[in-house]
Amino acid sequence: MWTAKVGGGTARIDIRGQLAGWFLGVAGGMGINVLSNDIGYRGVVAALAVGMVISGTNWLLRLPYRAPWARDAPPILLGLALGAALVTLVDPRGWAGPATLIAVGLVAVTVFILTDLATASRFLFGAAFIGFGVVAIGVGLGMLRENDLLVGAAVTGGAVAVIGFGVAALRENNLLFGAADIGIGAALIALGVAALRANNLLLGVAFVGLGVALICAGLARLCESRLLFGAALIGIGPAAMGVGVAVLLLDGGLLFGAALIGIGVAGIAIGVAILFENDLLLGVGLIIVGVGANGIGVARLLENDLMFGAAAIGASAAIIGFGMAFLHVRSRVRR
């Protein structure tokens, strides 16, 4: 599958790196949650932040240095990250959110310094989805507390699947990728049913179509069928565009809707690239998806939705890095 293909020729992320990625994602997501509302988990956030820095240091400082400046910068950055994490223990009430996100950012920068582009992107890609899932769980539980049972259960279940997707990226595990795709697809179908019950016909149909396409993508991963996987991604494109059009019609924001439409177009391109094994088109498509995800994040930040906005922007950086890794692999092969 394409996820394994990017990793070809790069060092695998060992168990220490996978643990660091898990801590990075969960700490980032919990940090965003703490900034957004008082959920009462500041002690948990502090513990996660310290664990992230310790596990990240244990993995990163075992990697070979790539340049003279890379010898001195990582210990300094990781030391600052540990200092920021310790701040959450000393004064968790006022600084838990900002200090945790500073520590996350410093560890992420160190990853890019000490690893190649493909490995760093895969690591941050997995961590970003884990963080996004943690954020979404907070949103889903809030909906359940407000007795919005169908949407709340769908968001919470989908969030768990998103975390599984992030773990699959760290482990390069197609079985887990497939199960996560199916779980996210089922959650989107449930959201579509909720939209249809609220008489949002276009949004409901688009969500259902997106969910079905993701389930097909998951089955393709489980069966290791490139043909079905490419076809499923092509199907995701029109469904994402439909969600974007629905957002525009519902006055959900021009930038948000346009970004979704752009992601849909890029999804079609990625599907075609998978079918024809075209790294250039695949890399460009992923970069466009990343730019679209960044647009969604900015749109949500403009609406004061810190949780969703920050998570989307973080994921966009990793997706763009993934796309650049494909382009780099292609240029290296041509040389």
C-alpha atoms as a PDB file:
ATOM      1  CA  MET A   1       0.000   0.000   0.000  1.00  0.00           C
ATOM      2  CA  TRP A   2       1.050   3.619  -0.476  1.00  0.00           C
ATOM      3  CA  THR A   3       1.768   4.196   3.210  1.00  0.00           C
ATOM      4  CA  ALA A   4       4.399   1.500   3.206  1.00  0.00           C
ATOM      5  CA  LYS A   5       5.800   2.802  -0.053  1.00  0.00           C
ATOM      6  CA  VAL A   6       6.733   6.152   1.460  1.00  0.00           C
ATOM      7  CA  GLY A   7       8.542   4.371   4.212  1.00  0.00           C
ATOM      8  CA  GLY A   8      10.590   2.404   1.726  1.00  0.00           C
ATOM      9  CA  GLY A   9      14.229   3.349   2.047  1.00  0.00           C
ATOM     10  CA  THR A  10      13.729   5.132   5.393  1.00  0.00           C
ATOM     11  CA  ALA A  11      14.332   3.885   8.909  1.00  0.00           C
ATOM     12  CA  ARG A  12      11.326   2.253  10.540  1.00  0.00           C
ATOM     13  CA  ILE A  13       9.960   3.962  13.608  1.00  0.00           C
ATOM     14  CA  ASP A  14      10.843   1.567  16.428  1.00  0.00           C
ATOM     15  CA  ILE A  15       8.800   1.004  19.563  1.00  0.00           C
ATOM     16  CA  ARG A  16      10.461   3.976  21.313  1.00  0.00           C
ATOM     17  CA  GLY A  17       9.504   6.252  18.423  1.00  0.00           C
ATOM     18  CA  GLN A  18       5.965   4.867  18.316  1.00  0.00           C
ATOM     19  CA  LEU A  19       5.588   5.515  22.038  1.00  0.00           C
ATOM     20  CA  ALA A  20       6.930   9.050  21.589  1.00  0.00           C
ATOM     21  CA  GLY A  21       4.455   9.646  18.747  1.00  0.00           C
ATOM     22  CA  TRP A  22       1.575   8.425  20.886  1.00  0.00           C
ATOM     23  CA  PHE A  23       2.579  10.717  23.744  1.00  0.00           C
ATOM     24  CA  LEU A  24       3.057  13.633  21.335  1.00  0.00           C
ATOM     25  CA  GLY A  25      -0.410  13.234  19.843  1.00  0.00           C
ATOM     26  CA  VAL A  26      -2.256  12.679  23.108  1.00  0.00           C
ATOM     27  CA  ALA A  27      -0.415  15.497  24.896  1.00  0.00           C
ATOM     28  CA  GLY A  28      -1.117  17.885  22.031  1.00  0.00           C
ATOM     29  CA  GLY A  29      -4.794  16.977  21.910  1.00  0.00           C
ATOM     30  CA  MET A  30      -5.218  17.259  25.672  1.00  0.00           C
ATOM     31  CA  GLY A  31      -3.339  20.569  25.655  1.00  0.00           C
ATOM     32  CA  ILE A  32      -5.772  21.952  23.083  1.00  0.00           C
ATOM     33  CA  ASN A  33      -8.699  20.682  25.156  1.00  0.00           C
ATOM     34  CA  VAL A  34      -7.364  22.424  28.272  1.00  0.00           C
ATOM     35  CA  LEU A  35      -6.963  25.694  26.363  1.00  0.00           C
ATOM     36  CA  SER A  36     -10.486  25.449  25.004  1.00  0.00           C
ATOM     37  CA  ASN A  37     -12.401  24.662  28.167  1.00  0.00           C
ATOM     38  CA  ASP A  38     -11.873  23.657  31.757  1.00  0.00           C
ATOM     39  CA  ILE A  39     -12.258  19.896  31.480  1.00  0.00           C
ATOM     40  CA  GLY A  40     -10.412  19.196  34.729  1.00  0.00           C
ATOM     41  CA  TYR A  41      -7.636  17.028  33.263  1.00  0.00           C
ATOM     42  CA  ARG A  42      -4.685  19.359  33.890  1.00  0.00           C
ATOM     43  CA  GLY A  43      -2.838  16.779  35.987  1.00  0.00           C
ATOM     44  CA  VAL A  44      -3.211  14.227  33.199  1.00  0.00           C
ATOM     45  CA  VAL A  45      -1.933  16.772  30.673  1.00  0.00           C
ATOM     46  CA  ALA A  46       1.129  17.474  32.804  1.00  0.00           C
ATOM     47  CA  ALA A  47       1.959  13.779  33.105  1.00  0.00           C
ATOM     48  CA  LEU A  48       1.517  13.296  29.352  1.00  0.00           C
ATOM     49  CA  ALA A  49       3.741  16.276  28.561  1.00  0.00           C
ATOM     50  CA  VAL A  50       6.586  14.954  30.707  1.00  0.00           C
ATOM     51  CA  GLY A  51       6.152  11.441  29.327  1.00  0.00           C
ATOM     52  CA  MET A  52       6.233  12.811  25.773  1.00  0.00           C
ATOM     53  CA  VAL A  53       9.553  14.598  26.315  1.00  0.00           C
ATOM     54  CA  ILE A  54      11.190  11.662  28.107  1.00  0.00           C
ATOM     55  CA  SER A  55      10.107   9.077  25.522  1.00  0.00           C
ATOM     56  CA  GLY A  56      10.920  11.420  22.647  1.00  0.00           C
ATOM     57  CA  THR A  57      14.401  12.086  24.039  1.00  0.00           C
ATOM     58  CA  ASN A  58      15.014   8.360  24.512  1.00  0.00           C
ATOM     59  CA  TRP A  59      14.225   7.758  20.830  1.00  0.00           C
ATOM     60  CA  LEU A  60      15.618  10.863  19.136  1.00  0.00           C
ATOM     61  CA  LEU A  61      19.031  11.007  20.801  1.00  0.00           C
ATOM     62  CA  ARG A  62      19.719   7.435  19.640  1.00  0.00           C
ATOM     63  CA  LEU A  63      19.462   8.531  16.004  1.00  0.00           C
ATOM     64  CA  PRO A  64      22.587   9.459  13.993  1.00  0.00           C
ATOM     65  CA  TYR A  65      23.380  13.164  13.581  1.00  0.00           C
ATOM     66  CA  ARG A  66      23.100  14.476  10.019  1.00  0.00           C
ATOM     67  CA  ALA A  67      25.035  17.756  10.262  1.00  0.00           C
ATOM     68  CA  PRO A  68      27.278  19.581  12.780  1.00  0.00           C
ATOM     69  CA  TRP A  69      24.507  21.939  13.874  1.00  0.00           C
ATOM     70  CA  ALA A  70      22.235  18.947  14.408  1.00  0.00           C
ATOM     71  CA  ARG A  71      24.592  17.756  17.141  1.00  0.00           C
ATOM     72  CA  ASP A  72      23.955  20.755  19.382  1.00  0.00           C
ATOM     73  CA  ALA A  73      20.371  21.802  18.578  1.00  0.00           C
ATOM     74  CA  PRO A  74      18.387  18.673  19.636  1.00  0.00           C
ATOM     75  CA  PRO A  75      19.614  18.543  23.272  1.00  0.00           C
ATOM     76  CA  ILE A  76      18.818  22.249  23.643  1.00  0.00           C
ATOM     77  CA  LEU A  77      15.352  21.899  22.110  1.00  0.00           C
ATOM     78  CA  LEU A  78      14.551  18.788  24.143  1.00  0.00           C
ATOM     79  CA  GLY A  79      15.812  20.517  27.288  1.00  0.00           C
ATOM     80  CA  LEU A  80      13.487  23.450  26.624  1.00  0.00           C
ATOM     81  CA  ALA A  81      10.651  21.006  25.936  1.00  0.00           C
ATOM     82  CA  LEU A  82      11.284  19.273  29.260  1.00  0.00           C
ATOM     83  CA  GLY A  83      11.317  22.658  30.988  1.00  0.00           C
ATOM     84  CA  ALA A  84       7.962  23.547  29.420  1.00  0.00           C
ATOM     85  CA  ALA A  85       6.561  20.166  30.447  1.00  0.00           C
ATOM     86  CA  LEU A  86       7.768  20.620  34.032  1.00  0.00           C
ATOM     87  CA  VAL A  87       6.014  24.004  34.159  1.00  0.00           C
ATOM     88  CA  THR A  88       2.718  22.112  33.842  1.00  0.00           C
ATOM     89  CA  LEU A  89       3.627  20.210  37.015  1.00  0.00           C
ATOM     90  CA  VAL A  90       4.720  23.274  38.990  1.00  0.00           C
ATOM     91  CA  ASP A  91       1.805  25.505  37.956  1.00  0.00           C
ATOM     92  CA  PRO A  92      -0.734  23.293  36.169  1.00  0.00           C
ATOM     93  CA  ARG A  93      -3.708  25.612  36.580  1.00  0.00           C
ATOM     94  CA  GLY A  94      -2.557  28.578  34.524  1.00  0.00           C
ATOM     95  CA  TRP A  95       0.008  27.095  32.155  1.00  0.00           C
ATOM     96  CA  ALA A  96      -1.032  23.532  31.381  1.00  0.00           C
ATOM     97  CA  GLY A  97      -2.367  24.228  27.881  1.00  0.00           C
ATOM     98  CA  PRO A  98       0.240  26.705  26.536  1.00  0.00           C
ATOM     99  CA  ALA A  99       3.235  24.925  28.097  1.00  0.00           C
ATOM    100  CA  THR A 100       2.123  21.537  26.758  1.00  0.00           C
ATOM    101  CA  LEU A 101       1.714  22.867  23.216  1.00  0.00           C
ATOM    102  CA  ILE A 102       5.135  24.567  23.414  1.00  0.00           C
ATOM    103  CA  ALA A 103       6.685  21.250  24.465  1.00  0.00           C
ATOM    104  CA  VAL A 104       4.869  19.460  21.619  1.00  0.00           C
ATOM    105  CA  GLY A 105       6.163  21.997  19.105  1.00  0.00           C
ATOM    106  CA  LEU A 106       9.771  21.721  20.329  1.00  0.00           C
ATOM    107  CA  VAL A 107       9.724  17.918  20.137  1.00  0.00           C
ATOM    108  CA  ALA A 108       8.207  18.099  16.635  1.00  0.00           C
ATOM    109  CA  VAL A 109      10.972  20.449  15.455  1.00  0.00           C
ATOM    110  CA  THR A 110      13.584  18.082  16.881  1.00  0.00           C
ATOM    111  CA  VAL A 111      12.019  15.194  14.943  1.00  0.00           C
ATOM    112  CA  PHE A 112      12.484  17.106  11.691  1.00  0.00           C
ATOM    113  CA  ILE A 113      16.105  17.884  12.570  1.00  0.00           C
ATOM    114  CA  LEU A 114      17.131  14.322  13.390  1.00  0.00           C
ATOM    115  CA  THR A 115      15.193  12.270  10.830  1.00  0.00           C
ATOM    116  CA  ASP A 116      14.672  12.265   7.076  1.00  0.00           C
ATOM    117  CA  LEU A 117      11.594  13.933   5.615  1.00  0.00           C
ATOM    118  CA  ALA A 118       9.626  10.723   5.075  1.00  0.00           C
ATOM    119  CA  THR A 119      10.225   9.383   8.594  1.00  0.00           C
ATOM    120  CA  ALA A 120       9.516  12.753  10.224  1.00  0.00           C
ATOM    121  CA  SER A 121       6.330  13.196   8.206  1.00  0.00           C
ATOM    122  CA  ARG A 122       5.125   9.699   9.047  1.00  0.00           C
ATOM    123  CA  PHE A 123       5.846  10.294  12.743  1.00  0.00           C
ATOM    124  CA  LEU A 124       4.059  13.661  12.828  1.00  0.00           C
ATOM    125  CA  PHE A 125       1.259  12.363  10.585  1.00  0.00           C
ATOM    126  CA  GLY A 126       0.499   9.640  13.129  1.00  0.00           C
ATOM    127  CA  ALA A 127       0.873  11.991  16.097  1.00  0.00           C
ATOM    128  CA  ALA A 128      -1.368  14.603  14.445  1.00  0.00           C
ATOM    129  CA  PHE A 129      -4.193  12.125  13.912  1.00  0.00           C
ATOM    130  CA  ILE A 130      -3.860  10.837  17.473  1.00  0.00           C
ATOM    131  CA  GLY A 131      -4.087  14.431  18.711  1.00  0.00           C
ATOM    132  CA  PHE A 132      -7.043  15.155  16.426  1.00  0.00           C
ATOM    133  CA  GLY A 133      -8.810  12.071  17.784  1.00  0.00           C
ATOM    134  CA  VAL A 134      -8.212  13.143  21.385  1.00  0.00           C
ATOM    135  CA  VAL A 135      -9.684  16.565  20.609  1.00  0.00           C
ATOM    136  CA  ALA A 136     -12.694  14.993  18.879  1.00  0.00           C
ATOM    137  CA  ILE A 137     -13.370  12.682  21.830  1.00  0.00           C
ATOM    138  CA  GLY A 138     -13.751  15.781  24.000  1.00  0.00           C
ATOM    139  CA  VAL A 139     -16.226  17.213  21.497  1.00  0.00           C
ATOM    140  CA  GLY A 140     -18.188  13.950  21.284  1.00  0.00           C
ATOM    141  CA  LEU A 141     -18.434  13.541  25.051  1.00  0.00           C
ATOM    142  CA  GLY A 142     -19.678  17.116  25.305  1.00  0.00           C
ATOM    143  CA  MET A 143     -22.448  16.308  22.814  1.00  0.00           C
ATOM    144  CA  LEU A 144     -23.394  13.189  24.766  1.00  0.00           C
ATOM    145  CA  ARG A 145     -23.665  15.266  27.951  1.00  0.00           C
ATOM    146  CA  GLU A 146     -26.076  17.528  26.066  1.00  0.00           C
ATOM    147  CA  ASN A 147     -28.178  14.454  25.117  1.00  0.00           C
ATOM    148  CA  ASP A 148     -27.283  14.682  21.420  1.00  0.00           C
ATOM    149  CA  LEU A 149     -26.905  10.917  21.438  1.00  0.00           C
ATOM    150  CA  LEU A 150     -26.575   9.983  17.746  1.00  0.00           C
ATOM    151  CA  VAL A 151     -24.127  12.734  16.796  1.00  0.00           C
ATOM    152  CA  GLY A 152     -22.237  12.434  20.078  1.00  0.00           C
ATOM    153  CA  ALA A 153     -21.836   8.671  19.735  1.00  0.00           C
ATOM    154  CA  ALA A 154     -20.785   9.061  16.084  1.00  0.00           C
ATOM    155  CA  VAL A 155     -18.174  11.724  16.877  1.00  0.00           C
ATOM    156  CA  THR A 156     -16.804   9.786  19.855  1.00  0.00           C
ATOM    157  CA  GLY A 157     -16.636   6.498  17.947  1.00  0.00           C
ATOM    158  CA  GLY A 158     -15.115   8.197  14.928  1.00  0.00           C
ATOM    159  CA  ALA A 159     -12.548   9.875  17.176  1.00  0.00           C
ATOM    160  CA  VAL A 160     -11.435   6.505  18.542  1.00  0.00           C
ATOM    161  CA  ALA A 161     -11.036   5.290  14.959  1.00  0.00           C
ATOM    162  CA  VAL A 162      -9.020   8.416  14.094  1.00  0.00           C
ATOM    163  CA  ILE A 163      -6.661   7.618  16.974  1.00  0.00           C
ATOM    164  CA  GLY A 164      -6.345   4.101  15.568  1.00  0.00           C
ATOM    165  CA  PHE A 165      -5.501   5.636  12.182  1.00  0.00           C
ATOM    166  CA  GLY A 166      -2.693   7.627  13.798  1.00  0.00           C
ATOM    167  CA  VAL A 167      -1.320   4.552  15.566  1.00  0.00           C
ATOM    168  CA  ALA A 168      -1.469   2.657  12.258  1.00  0.00           C
ATOM    169  CA  ALA A 169       0.637   5.383  10.630  1.00  0.00           C
ATOM    170  CA  LEU A 170       3.284   5.065  13.346  1.00  0.00           C
ATOM    171  CA  ARG A 171       3.327   1.275  13.089  1.00  0.00           C
ATOM    172  CA  GLU A 172       2.865   1.085   9.277  1.00  0.00           C
ATOM    173  CA  ASN A 173       0.154  -1.494   9.889  1.00  0.00           C
ATOM    174  CA  ASN A 174      -2.321  -1.984   7.029  1.00  0.00           C
ATOM    175  CA  LEU A 175      -4.618  -4.161   9.163  1.00  0.00           C
ATOM    176  CA  LEU A 176      -5.032  -1.353  11.677  1.00  0.00           C
ATOM    177  CA  PHE A 177      -5.311   1.193   8.837  1.00  0.00           C
ATOM    178  CA  GLY A 178      -8.168  -0.793   7.322  1.00  0.00           C
ATOM    179  CA  ALA A 179     -10.024  -1.163  10.614  1.00  0.00           C
ATOM    180  CA  ALA A 180      -9.624   2.577  11.307  1.00  0.00           C
ATOM    181  CA  ASP A 181     -10.921   3.513   7.848  1.00  0.00           C
ATOM    182  CA  ILE A 182     -13.974   1.337   8.390  1.00  0.00           C
ATOM    183  CA  GLY A 183     -14.585   2.843  11.842  1.00  0.00           C
ATOM    184  CA  ILE A 184     -14.318   6.418  10.541  1.00  0.00           C
ATOM    185  CA  GLY A 185     -16.586   5.523   7.627  1.00  0.00           C
ATOM    186  CA  ALA A 186     -19.240   4.098   9.952  1.00  0.00           C
ATOM    187  CA  ALA A 187     -19.106   7.269  12.065  1.00  0.00           C
ATOM    188  CA  LEU A 188     -19.560   9.447   8.979  1.00  0.00           C
ATOM    189  CA  ILE A 189     -22.573   7.388   7.899  1.00  0.00           C
ATOM    190  CA  ALA A 190     -24.102   7.944  11.344  1.00  0.00           C
ATOM    191  CA  LEU A 191     -23.465  11.685  10.993  1.00  0.00           C
ATOM    192  CA  GLY A 192     -25.108  11.551   7.586  1.00  0.00           C
ATOM    193  CA  VAL A 193     -28.184   9.868   9.043  1.00  0.00           C
ATOM    194  CA  ALA A 194     -28.337  12.568  11.715  1.00  0.00           C
ATOM    195  CA  ALA A 195     -28.131  15.261   9.027  1.00  0.00           C
ATOM    196  CA  LEU A 196     -30.906  13.585   7.006  1.00  0.00           C
ATOM    197  CA  ARG A 197     -33.092  13.445  10.102  1.00  0.00           C
ATOM    198  CA  ALA A 198     -32.490  17.195  10.473  1.00  0.00           C
ATOM    199  CA  ASN A 199     -33.634  17.672   6.829  1.00  0.00           C
ATOM    200  CA  ASN A 200     -30.127  18.579   5.593  1.00  0.00           C
ATOM    201  CA  LEU A 201     -30.433  16.433   2.477  1.00  0.00           C
ATOM    202  CA  LEU A 202     -27.223  17.373   0.635  1.00  0.00           C
ATOM    203  CA  LEU A 203     -25.049  17.244   3.752  1.00  0.00           C
ATOM    204  CA  GLY A 204     -26.568  13.926   4.816  1.00  0.00           C
ATOM    205  CA  VAL A 205     -26.106  12.273   1.420  1.00  0.00           C
ATOM    206  CA  ALA A 206     -22.541  13.597   1.185  1.00  0.00           C
ATOM    207  CA  PHE A 207     -21.634  12.253   4.632  1.00  0.00           C
ATOM    208  CA  VAL A 208     -23.150   8.861   3.842  1.00  0.00           C
ATOM    209  CA  GLY A 209     -21.288   8.724   0.535  1.00  0.00           C
ATOM    210  CA  LEU A 210     -18.045   9.716   2.235  1.00  0.00           C
ATOM    211  CA  GLY A 211     -18.552   7.015   4.851  1.00  0.00           C
ATOM    212  CA  VAL A 212     -19.254   4.322   2.270  1.00  0.00           C
ATOM    213  CA  ALA A 213     -16.157   5.309   0.290  1.00  0.00           C
ATOM    214  CA  LEU A 214     -13.989   5.173   3.436  1.00  0.00           C
ATOM    215  CA  ILE A 215     -15.357   1.736   4.326  1.00  0.00           C
ATOM    216  CA  CYS A 216     -14.436   0.575   0.818  1.00  0.00           C
ATOM    217  CA  ALA A 217     -10.958   2.051   1.312  1.00  0.00           C
ATOM    218  CA  GLY A 218     -10.641   0.140   4.574  1.00  0.00           C
ATOM    219  CA  LEU A 219     -11.693  -3.113   2.932  1.00  0.00           C
ATOM    220  CA  ALA A 220      -9.178  -2.434   0.169  1.00  0.00           C
ATOM    221  CA  ARG A 221      -6.412  -2.075   2.733  1.00  0.00           C
ATOM    222  CA  LEU A 222      -7.430  -5.312   4.423  1.00  0.00           C
ATOM    223  CA  CYS A 223      -7.481  -7.101   1.062  1.00  0.00           C
ATOM    224  CA  GLU A 224      -4.333  -5.238  -0.118  1.00  0.00           C
ATOM    225  CA  SER A 225      -6.133  -4.296  -3.330  1.00  0.00           C
ATOM    226  CA  ARG A 226      -4.580  -1.253  -5.010  1.00  0.00           C
ATOM    227  CA  LEU A 227      -7.404  -1.144  -7.571  1.00  0.00           C
ATOM    228  CA  LEU A 228     -10.159  -0.999  -4.961  1.00  0.00           C
ATOM    229  CA  PHE A 229      -8.188   1.453  -2.819  1.00  0.00           C
ATOM    230  CA  GLY A 230      -7.684   3.855  -5.725  1.00  0.00           C
ATOM    231  CA  ALA A 231     -11.336   3.575  -6.739  1.00  0.00           C
ATOM    232  CA  ALA A 232     -12.437   4.236  -3.143  1.00  0.00           C
ATOM    233  CA  LEU A 233     -10.282   7.365  -2.960  1.00  0.00           C
ATOM    234  CA  ILE A 234     -11.777   8.599  -6.223  1.00  0.00           C
ATOM    235  CA  GLY A 235     -15.197   8.072  -4.623  1.00  0.00           C
ATOM    236  CA  ILE A 236     -14.152  10.070  -1.560  1.00  0.00           C
ATOM    237  CA  GLY A 237     -13.498  13.093  -3.809  1.00  0.00           C
ATOM    238  CA  PRO A 238     -17.083  13.847  -4.942  1.00  0.00           C
ATOM    239  CA  ALA A 239     -18.424  13.119  -1.457  1.00  0.00           C
ATOM    240  CA  ALA A 240     -15.997  15.606   0.126  1.00  0.00           C
ATOM    241  CA  MET A 241     -16.926  18.140  -2.544  1.00  0.00           C
ATOM    242  CA  GLY A 242     -20.590  17.561  -1.682  1.00  0.00           C
ATOM    243  CA  VAL A 243     -19.885  18.295   1.986  1.00  0.00           C
ATOM    244  CA  GLY A 244     -18.095  21.475   0.900  1.00  0.00           C
ATOM    245  CA  VAL A 245     -21.022  22.619  -1.241  1.00  0.00           C
ATOM    246  CA  ALA A 246     -23.417  21.868   1.610  1.00  0.00           C
ATOM    247  CA  VAL A 247     -21.283  23.958   3.978  1.00  0.00           C
ATOM    248  CA  LEU A 248     -21.386  26.851   1.510  1.00  0.00           C
ATOM    249  CA  LEU A 249     -25.161  26.586   1.094  1.00  0.00           C
ATOM    250  CA  LEU A 250     -25.649  26.421   4.869  1.00  0.00           C
ATOM    251  CA  ASP A 251     -23.494  29.549   5.263  1.00  0.00           C
ATOM    252  CA  GLY A 252     -20.901  27.578   7.188  1.00  0.00           C
ATOM    253  CA  GLY A 253     -18.074  29.763   5.901  1.00  0.00           C
ATOM    254  CA  LEU A 254     -16.598  30.402   2.466  1.00  0.00           C
ATOM    255  CA  LEU A 255     -13.075  29.310   3.427  1.00  0.00           C
ATOM    256  CA  PHE A 256     -14.287  26.135   5.133  1.00  0.00           C
ATOM    257  CA  GLY A 257     -16.475  25.104   2.196  1.00  0.00           C
ATOM    258  CA  ALA A 258     -13.890  25.975  -0.444  1.00  0.00           C
ATOM    259  CA  ALA A 259     -11.215  24.002   1.445  1.00  0.00           C
ATOM    260  CA  LEU A 260     -13.441  20.924   1.526  1.00  0.00           C
ATOM    261  CA  ILE A 261     -14.092  21.207  -2.199  1.00  0.00           C
ATOM    262  CA  GLY A 262     -10.345  21.499  -2.826  1.00  0.00           C
ATOM    263  CA  ILE A 263      -9.715  18.410  -0.695  1.00  0.00           C
ATOM    264  CA  GLY A 264     -12.336  16.556  -2.727  1.00  0.00           C
ATOM    265  CA  VAL A 265     -10.636  17.441  -6.017  1.00  0.00           C
ATOM    266  CA  ALA A 266      -7.283  16.388  -4.576  1.00  0.00           C
ATOM    267  CA  GLY A 267      -8.833  13.125  -3.363  1.00  0.00           C
ATOM    268  CA  ILE A 268      -9.784  12.252  -6.940  1.00  0.00           C
ATOM    269  CA  ALA A 269      -6.221  13.029  -8.053  1.00  0.00           C
ATOM    270  CA  ILE A 270      -4.782  10.836  -5.281  1.00  0.00           C
ATOM    271  CA  GLY A 271      -7.057   7.970  -6.279  1.00  0.00           C
ATOM    272  CA  VAL A 272      -5.920   8.227  -9.896  1.00  0.00           C
ATOM    273  CA  ALA A 273      -2.295   8.395  -8.704  1.00  0.00           C
ATOM    274  CA  ILE A 274      -2.760   5.206  -6.697  1.00  0.00           C
ATOM    275  CA  LEU A 275      -4.268   3.395  -9.677  1.00  0.00           C
ATOM    276  CA  PHE A 276      -1.437   4.410 -12.005  1.00  0.00           C
ATOM    277  CA  GLU A 277       1.325   4.414  -9.347  1.00  0.00           C
ATOM    278  CA  ASN A 278       2.237   8.023 -10.112  1.00  0.00           C
ATOM    279  CA  ASP A 279       4.311   9.493  -7.257  1.00  0.00           C
ATOM    280  CA  LEU A 280       4.278  12.989  -8.750  1.00  0.00           C
ATOM    281  CA  LEU A 281       0.488  13.203  -8.861  1.00  0.00           C
ATOM    282  CA  LEU A 282       0.249  11.526  -5.451  1.00  0.00           C
ATOM    283  CA  GLY A 283       2.648  14.003  -3.856  1.00  0.00           C
ATOM    284  CA  VAL A 284       0.906  17.015  -5.400  1.00  0.00           C
ATOM    285  CA  GLY A 285      -2.493  15.649  -4.344  1.00  0.00           C
ATOM    286  CA  LEU A 286      -1.364  15.172  -0.745  1.00  0.00           C
ATOM    287  CA  ILE A 287       0.075  18.688  -0.621  1.00  0.00           C
ATOM    288  CA  ILE A 288      -3.253  20.081  -1.865  1.00  0.00           C
ATOM    289  CA  VAL A 289      -5.085  18.059   0.815  1.00  0.00           C
ATOM    290  CA  GLY A 290      -2.698  19.503   3.405  1.00  0.00           C
ATOM    291  CA  VAL A 291      -3.307  23.049   2.172  1.00  0.00           C
ATOM    292  CA  GLY A 292      -7.048  22.372   2.306  1.00  0.00           C
ATOM    293  CA  ALA A 293      -6.775  21.026   5.860  1.00  0.00           C
ATOM    294  CA  ASN A 294      -4.862  24.175   6.784  1.00  0.00           C
ATOM    295  CA  GLY A 295      -7.670  26.255   5.270  1.00  0.00           C
ATOM    296  CA  ILE A 296     -10.194  24.366   7.377  1.00  0.00           C
ATOM    297  CA  GLY A 297      -8.094  24.986  10.472  1.00  0.00           C
ATOM    298  CA  VAL A 298      -7.830  28.707   9.771  1.00  0.00           C
ATOM    299  CA  ALA A 299     -11.570  28.880   9.100  1.00  0.00           C
ATOM    300  CA  ARG A 300     -12.330  27.267  12.441  1.00  0.00           C
ATOM    301  CA  LEU A 301      -9.878  29.520  14.281  1.00  0.00           C
ATOM    302  CA  LEU A 302     -11.631  32.537  12.771  1.00  0.00           C
ATOM    303  CA  GLU A 303     -14.836  31.148  14.303  1.00  0.00           C
ATOM    304  CA  ASN A 304     -13.050  30.846  17.689  1.00  0.00           C
ATOM    305  CA  ASP A 305     -13.056  27.045  17.463  1.00  0.00           C
ATOM    306  CA  LEU A 306      -9.578  26.530  18.907  1.00  0.00           C
ATOM    307  CA  MET A 307      -9.770  22.752  19.307  1.00  0.00           C
ATOM    308  CA  PHE A 308     -10.770  21.869  15.750  1.00  0.00           C
ATOM    309  CA  GLY A 309      -8.709  24.656  14.201  1.00  0.00           C
ATOM    310  CA  ALA A 310      -5.426  23.817  15.932  1.00  0.00           C
ATOM    311  CA  ALA A 311      -5.848  20.092  15.309  1.00  0.00           C
ATOM    312  CA  ALA A 312      -6.571  20.634  11.603  1.00  0.00           C
ATOM    313  CA  ILE A 313      -3.556  22.920  11.160  1.00  0.00           C
ATOM    314  CA  GLY A 314      -1.311  20.396  12.910  1.00  0.00           C
ATOM    315  CA  ALA A 315      -2.566  17.587  10.687  1.00  0.00           C
ATOM    316  CA  SER A 316      -2.110  19.762   7.584  1.00  0.00           C
ATOM    317  CA  ALA A 317       1.605  20.233   8.268  1.00  0.00           C
ATOM    318  CA  ALA A 318       2.120  16.474   8.489  1.00  0.00           C
ATOM    319  CA  ILE A 319       0.095  15.812   5.306  1.00  0.00           C
ATOM    320  CA  ILE A 320       2.068  18.430   3.367  1.00  0.00           C
ATOM    321  CA  GLY A 321       5.272  16.823   4.631  1.00  0.00           C
ATOM    322  CA  PHE A 322       3.991  13.446   3.445  1.00  0.00           C
ATOM    323  CA  GLY A 323       3.340  14.883  -0.019  1.00  0.00           C
ATOM    324  CA  MET A 324       6.796  16.449  -0.150  1.00  0.00           C
ATOM    325  CA  ALA A 325       8.282  13.079   0.839  1.00  0.00           C
ATOM    326  CA  PHE A 326       6.661  11.470  -2.206  1.00  0.00           C
ATOM    327  CA  LEU A 327       8.036  14.186  -4.468  1.00  0.00           C
ATOM    328  CA  HIS A 328      11.464  13.768  -2.890  1.00  0.00           C
ATOM    329  CA  VAL A 329      11.372   9.994  -3.436  1.00  0.00           C
ATOM    330  CA  ARG A 330      10.406  10.536  -7.065  1.00  0.00           C
ATOM    331  CA  SER A 331      13.217  13.038  -7.696  1.00  0.00           C
ATOM    332  CA  ARG A 332      15.725  10.728  -6.013  1.00  0.00           C
ATOM    333  CA  VAL A 333      14.626   7.795  -8.202  1.00  0.00           C
ATOM    334  CA  ARG A 334      14.935   9.932 -11.361  1.00  0.00           C
ATOM    335  CA  ARG A 335      18.470  10.934 -10.404  1.00  0.00           C
END
